Amino acid sequence: MTSEPPNLAETLQQILQNQQQFQQTVTQELNQLRARLPPPG
């Protein structure tokens, strides 16, 4: 039995979703850090 190669489009879609989720998390972390920093000036 030959196992079917993973669907490239599906794989790319999943990577893209992971990327977006990662970016969201990083943005949230950055905002929290900024909120804790004293205002500039």
C-alpha atoms as a PDB file:
ATOM      1  CA  MET A   1       0.000   0.000   0.000  1.00  0.00           C
ATOM      2  CA  THR A   2       1.389   3.385  -0.962  1.00  0.00           C
ATOM      3  CA  SER A   3       0.616   6.134   1.502  1.00  0.00           C
ATOM      4  CA  GLU A   4      -0.688   9.262  -0.153  1.00  0.00           C
ATOM      5  CA  PRO A   5       1.590  12.327   0.109  1.00  0.00           C
ATOM      6  CA  PRO A   6       0.113  15.103   2.232  1.00  0.00           C
ATOM      7  CA  ASN A   7      -1.995  17.623   0.358  1.00  0.00           C
ATOM      8  CA  LEU A   8       0.293  20.580  -0.280  1.00  0.00           C
ATOM      9  CA  ALA A   9      -2.531  23.118  -0.300  1.00  0.00           C
ATOM     10  CA  GLU A  10      -3.828  21.805   3.026  1.00  0.00           C
ATOM     11  CA  THR A  11      -0.364  21.864   4.548  1.00  0.00           C
ATOM     12  CA  LEU A  12       0.236  25.427   3.391  1.00  0.00           C
ATOM     13  CA  GLN A  13      -3.158  26.480   4.736  1.00  0.00           C
ATOM     14  CA  GLN A  14      -2.291  25.043   8.135  1.00  0.00           C
ATOM     15  CA  ILE A  15       1.104  26.758   8.155  1.00  0.00           C
ATOM     16  CA  LEU A  16      -0.569  30.052   7.287  1.00  0.00           C
ATOM     17  CA  GLN A  17      -3.064  29.673  10.134  1.00  0.00           C
ATOM     18  CA  ASN A  18      -0.276  28.846  12.571  1.00  0.00           C
ATOM     19  CA  GLN A  19       1.614  31.899  11.355  1.00  0.00           C
ATOM     20  CA  GLN A  20      -1.381  34.156  11.938  1.00  0.00           C
ATOM     21  CA  GLN A  21      -1.969  32.706  15.393  1.00  0.00           C
ATOM     22  CA  PHE A  22       1.697  33.180  16.246  1.00  0.00           C
ATOM     23  CA  GLN A  23       1.630  36.792  15.077  1.00  0.00           C
ATOM     24  CA  GLN A  24      -1.481  37.476  17.158  1.00  0.00           C
ATOM     25  CA  THR A  25       0.186  36.058  20.255  1.00  0.00           C
ATOM     26  CA  VAL A  26       3.349  38.090  19.713  1.00  0.00           C
ATOM     27  CA  THR A  27       1.321  41.273  19.210  1.00  0.00           C
ATOM     28  CA  GLN A  28      -0.581  40.668  22.443  1.00  0.00           C
ATOM     29  CA  GLU A  29       2.654  40.064  24.334  1.00  0.00           C
ATOM     30  CA  LEU A  30       4.163  43.246  22.906  1.00  0.00           C
ATOM     31  CA  ASN A  31       1.116  45.291  23.896  1.00  0.00           C
ATOM     32  CA  GLN A  32       1.292  43.953  27.442  1.00  0.00           C
ATOM     33  CA  LEU A  33       4.977  44.834  27.639  1.00  0.00           C
ATOM     34  CA  ARG A  34       4.346  48.322  26.270  1.00  0.00           C
ATOM     35  CA  ALA A  35       1.596  48.886  28.827  1.00  0.00           C
ATOM     36  CA  ARG A  36       4.076  48.133  31.608  1.00  0.00           C
ATOM     37  CA  LEU A  37       6.737  50.464  30.259  1.00  0.00           C
ATOM     38  CA  PRO A  38       6.816  54.053  31.457  1.00  0.00           C
ATOM     39  CA  PRO A  39       5.637  56.480  28.781  1.00  0.00           C
ATOM     40  CA  PRO A  40       8.443  57.871  26.603  1.00  0.00           C
ATOM     41  CA  GLY A  41       9.761  61.343  27.265  1.00  0.00           C
END
